Amino acid sequence: MYTGLLHTHKLVVVLFLLHYVVKLVLLLLNRNEQLANYSKRTKVTEMAISALFLITGLWMMGTSIMKGGSVSTLQIIKLVCVFSSIPLAIIGFKRSNKLLAVLAVLLIIAAYGLAEVNKKKKAGGAVNTETAGSTLEAGKLVYQDKCMQCHGSDGAAGISGAKALGQTSLTADEQKAIVKSGKNSMPAFGETITEEQTMAVIEYVATFKQ
């Protein structure tokens, strides 16, 4: 369900942004009649997109919190940007205030950018596994640093849509590809952990099936 909400949210965000960019371009070009006609034709659609934008975002955040996840500072700033952009956009376009309209669109873009920054931040930096005495110990260190915040200590927490690792049917190569490139809300770790560390964490995750 979380994955479906995530894809819906991403689609709605893109539509939301494109909609307001079109309105902003018309406003900046002083195409007031065209802007009025476009706004009239898309009024219901705009309300639906705005509602879906907020509902899907808050639903995913609430689901993660209920499962033990935390809200980062970047996510809070993103929410502030989103909740500020909507009334600014309504007032700006209704009163043909170009400054408020531009500010509203910039806040929407900022919210999208913060979401991407937050995802990259989850990937973090390099993990030192030199002191690990075995591959499993190295894998555990990587898991605790990179994976536990969403998958939990036993791989079954399911925060932010994380899959239950003890039930996976993926091969080692398939898991490796996901770890390196990311998937859905999971960031890519290809630049923060080595090939050996990737295989070590996959070996450690395999213990969850036992």
Protein backbone atom coordinates (compact mmCIF):
# COMPACT_ATOMS: atom_id res chain seq x y z
CA MET A 1 0.00 0.00 0.00
CA TYR A 2 2.82 2.40 0.88
CA THR A 3 4.45 1.91 -2.52
CA GLY A 4 1.17 2.74 -4.26
CA LEU A 5 0.78 5.87 -2.13
CA LEU A 6 4.37 6.87 -2.87
CA HIS A 7 3.90 6.63 -6.64
CA THR A 8 0.56 8.44 -6.40
CA HIS A 9 2.18 11.18 -4.33
CA LYS A 10 5.02 11.63 -6.82
CA LEU A 11 2.57 11.84 -9.73
CA VAL A 12 0.39 14.35 -7.89
CA VAL A 13 3.43 16.48 -6.97
CA VAL A 14 4.49 16.66 -10.64
CA LEU A 15 0.94 17.55 -11.77
CA PHE A 16 0.64 20.10 -8.95
CA LEU A 17 3.89 21.78 -9.94
CA LEU A 18 3.15 21.75 -13.69
CA HIS A 19 -0.30 23.21 -13.08
CA TYR A 20 1.08 26.15 -11.14
CA VAL A 21 3.96 26.68 -13.57
CA VAL A 22 1.42 27.04 -16.41
CA LYS A 23 -0.56 29.55 -14.36
CA LEU A 24 2.59 31.44 -13.42
CA VAL A 25 3.76 31.72 -17.04
CA LEU A 26 0.37 33.08 -18.09
CA LEU A 27 0.42 35.55 -15.20
CA LEU A 28 3.95 36.77 -15.92
CA LEU A 29 3.10 37.21 -19.61
CA ASN A 30 0.02 39.25 -18.64
CA ARG A 31 -2.28 36.78 -20.38
CA ASN A 32 -5.01 37.59 -17.89
CA GLU A 33 -7.92 36.38 -20.01
CA GLN A 34 -6.22 33.07 -20.78
CA LEU A 35 -5.27 32.67 -17.13
CA ALA A 36 -8.86 33.29 -16.07
CA ASN A 37 -10.16 30.72 -18.57
CA TYR A 38 -7.52 28.16 -17.60
CA SER A 39 -8.22 28.67 -13.87
CA LYS A 40 -11.95 28.29 -14.44
CA ARG A 41 -11.56 25.07 -16.45
CA THR A 42 -9.14 23.50 -13.96
CA LYS A 43 -10.71 24.70 -10.69
CA VAL A 44 -12.07 21.30 -9.64
CA THR A 45 -8.94 19.51 -10.85
CA GLU A 46 -6.74 21.92 -8.90
CA MET A 47 -8.73 21.27 -5.70
CA ALA A 48 -8.47 17.51 -6.21
CA ILE A 49 -4.72 17.63 -6.90
CA SER A 50 -4.09 19.87 -3.88
CA ALA A 51 -6.08 17.56 -1.62
CA LEU A 52 -4.32 14.43 -2.92
CA PHE A 53 -0.95 16.16 -2.56
CA LEU A 54 -1.56 16.80 1.14
CA ILE A 55 -3.43 13.58 1.96
CA THR A 56 -0.91 11.19 0.40
CA GLY A 57 2.06 13.02 1.91
CA LEU A 58 0.59 13.19 5.42
CA TRP A 59 -0.67 9.59 5.20
CA MET A 60 2.80 8.25 4.36
CA MET A 61 4.41 10.32 7.10
CA GLY A 62 1.79 9.25 9.64
CA THR A 63 2.19 5.58 8.69
CA SER A 64 5.97 5.77 9.19
CA ILE A 65 5.60 7.52 12.56
CA MET A 66 3.11 4.90 13.78
CA LYS A 67 5.63 2.18 12.91
CA GLY A 68 8.36 3.86 14.91
CA GLY A 69 9.89 6.16 12.32
CA SER A 70 10.90 9.73 13.02
CA VAL A 71 10.30 13.04 11.26
CA SER A 72 13.51 14.78 10.19
CA THR A 73 14.10 18.52 10.21
CA LEU A 74 14.11 18.50 6.40
CA GLN A 75 10.68 16.85 6.35
CA ILE A 76 9.30 19.49 8.73
CA ILE A 77 10.69 22.27 6.52
CA LYS A 78 9.17 20.53 3.50
CA LEU A 79 5.75 20.51 5.18
CA VAL A 80 6.07 24.20 6.01
CA CYS A 81 6.90 24.93 2.36
CA VAL A 82 3.91 22.93 1.12
CA PHE A 83 1.39 24.40 3.56
CA SER A 84 2.70 27.90 2.85
CA SER A 85 2.68 27.53 -0.93
CA ILE A 86 -1.02 26.66 -1.30
CA PRO A 87 -2.56 29.78 0.33
CA LEU A 88 0.12 31.97 -1.29
CA ALA A 89 -0.76 30.50 -4.68
CA ILE A 90 -4.49 31.00 -4.15
CA ILE A 91 -4.04 34.64 -3.10
CA GLY A 92 -1.33 35.36 -5.65
CA PHE A 93 -3.24 34.13 -8.68
CA LYS A 94 -6.60 35.45 -7.50
CA ARG A 95 -5.20 38.97 -7.06
CA SER A 96 -2.75 38.70 -9.99
CA ASN A 97 0.09 39.30 -7.55
CA LYS A 98 3.16 38.12 -9.45
CA LEU A 99 5.45 38.23 -6.43
CA LEU A 100 3.23 35.94 -4.33
CA ALA A 101 2.67 33.60 -7.30
CA VAL A 102 6.41 33.29 -7.94
CA LEU A 103 7.04 32.70 -4.23
CA ALA A 104 4.37 29.98 -4.14
CA VAL A 105 5.91 28.11 -7.09
CA LEU A 106 9.40 28.45 -5.61
CA LEU A 107 8.16 26.96 -2.33
CA ILE A 108 6.67 24.00 -4.22
CA ILE A 109 9.98 23.46 -6.02
CA ALA A 110 11.83 23.79 -2.70
CA ALA A 111 9.58 21.16 -1.11
CA TYR A 112 10.34 18.74 -3.95
CA GLY A 113 14.07 19.47 -3.65
CA LEU A 114 14.03 18.92 0.11
CA ALA A 115 12.39 15.53 -0.38
CA GLU A 116 15.25 14.50 -2.68
CA VAL A 117 17.86 15.89 -0.27
CA ASN A 118 16.26 13.98 2.61
CA LYS A 119 16.41 10.76 0.59
CA LYS A 120 20.11 11.28 -0.17
CA LYS A 121 20.76 12.15 3.46
CA LYS A 122 19.42 8.73 4.46
CA ALA A 123 22.21 7.16 2.42
CA GLY A 124 24.71 8.88 4.73
CA GLY A 125 28.47 8.55 4.43
CA ALA A 126 30.94 5.68 4.41
CA VAL A 127 30.85 2.94 7.04
CA ASN A 128 34.05 1.79 8.75
CA THR A 129 34.01 -2.01 8.93
CA GLU A 130 37.77 -2.51 9.27
CA THR A 131 37.43 -3.56 12.92
CA ALA A 132 34.85 -6.25 12.10
CA GLY A 133 36.14 -9.73 12.83
CA SER A 134 34.01 -11.49 10.21
CA THR A 135 31.83 -10.86 7.17
CA LEU A 136 28.69 -11.20 9.28
CA GLU A 137 29.96 -8.65 11.77
CA ALA A 138 30.80 -6.27 8.93
CA GLY A 139 27.34 -6.81 7.47
CA LYS A 140 25.75 -6.10 10.84
CA LEU A 141 27.66 -2.82 11.15
CA VAL A 142 26.52 -1.70 7.70
CA TYR A 143 22.94 -2.80 8.42
CA GLN A 144 22.80 -0.89 11.70
CA ASP A 145 24.15 2.25 10.05
CA LYS A 146 22.20 2.19 6.78
CA CYS A 147 19.20 -0.08 7.03
CA MET A 148 17.91 -0.35 10.58
CA GLN A 149 16.16 3.03 10.68
CA CYS A 150 13.57 1.76 8.19
CA HIS A 151 13.80 -2.05 8.33
CA GLY A 152 14.20 -2.32 12.10
CA SER A 153 16.60 -4.48 14.07
CA ASP A 154 14.96 -7.70 12.82
CA GLY A 155 14.22 -6.53 9.27
CA ALA A 156 10.46 -6.44 9.79
CA ALA A 157 9.73 -2.85 10.95
CA GLY A 158 8.32 -1.73 7.59
CA ILE A 159 8.97 1.99 8.17
CA SER A 160 8.59 4.19 5.04
CA GLY A 161 7.34 1.17 3.10
CA ALA A 162 10.44 -0.94 3.83
CA LYS A 163 9.96 -4.61 2.94
CA ALA A 164 10.13 -7.44 5.45
CA LEU A 165 13.64 -8.71 4.76
CA GLY A 166 13.09 -12.09 6.41
CA GLN A 167 10.42 -12.88 3.81
CA THR A 168 12.28 -11.80 0.69
CA SER A 169 12.53 -14.18 -2.25
CA LEU A 170 15.04 -12.00 -4.09
CA THR A 171 18.37 -13.48 -5.14
CA ALA A 172 21.64 -12.05 -3.84
CA ASP A 173 22.20 -10.31 -7.19
CA GLU A 174 18.73 -8.76 -7.11
CA GLN A 175 19.27 -7.54 -3.55
CA LYS A 176 22.66 -6.15 -4.55
CA ALA A 177 21.08 -4.16 -7.39
CA ILE A 178 18.50 -2.62 -5.05
CA VAL A 179 21.10 -1.76 -2.40
CA LYS A 180 23.28 -0.04 -5.00
CA SER A 181 20.57 1.77 -6.97
CA GLY A 182 17.73 2.14 -4.46
CA LYS A 183 14.02 1.56 -5.03
CA ASN A 184 10.90 3.59 -4.22
CA SER A 185 11.64 5.47 -0.97
CA MET A 186 14.86 3.53 -0.38
CA PRO A 187 17.94 5.62 -1.32
CA ALA A 188 20.83 4.33 -3.41
CA PHE A 189 23.83 3.22 -1.35
CA GLY A 190 26.15 2.53 -4.28
CA GLU A 191 28.36 5.51 -3.45
CA THR A 192 28.46 5.05 0.33
CA ILE A 193 29.24 1.36 0.82
CA THR A 194 31.77 -0.82 -0.96
CA GLU A 195 31.15 -3.98 -2.98
CA GLU A 196 32.41 -6.09 -0.07
CA GLN A 197 30.17 -4.27 2.40
CA THR A 198 27.18 -4.73 0.12
CA MET A 199 27.71 -8.49 -0.02
CA ALA A 200 28.35 -8.54 3.73
CA VAL A 201 25.04 -6.83 4.53
CA ILE A 202 23.22 -9.20 2.16
CA GLU A 203 24.78 -12.14 4.00
CA TYR A 204 23.74 -10.62 7.34
CA VAL A 205 20.17 -10.02 6.12
CA ALA A 206 19.98 -13.71 5.15
CA THR A 207 20.16 -14.55 8.87
CA PHE A 208 16.70 -13.02 9.33
CA LYS A 209 15.22 -15.99 7.49
CA GLN A 210 16.63 -18.47 10.01
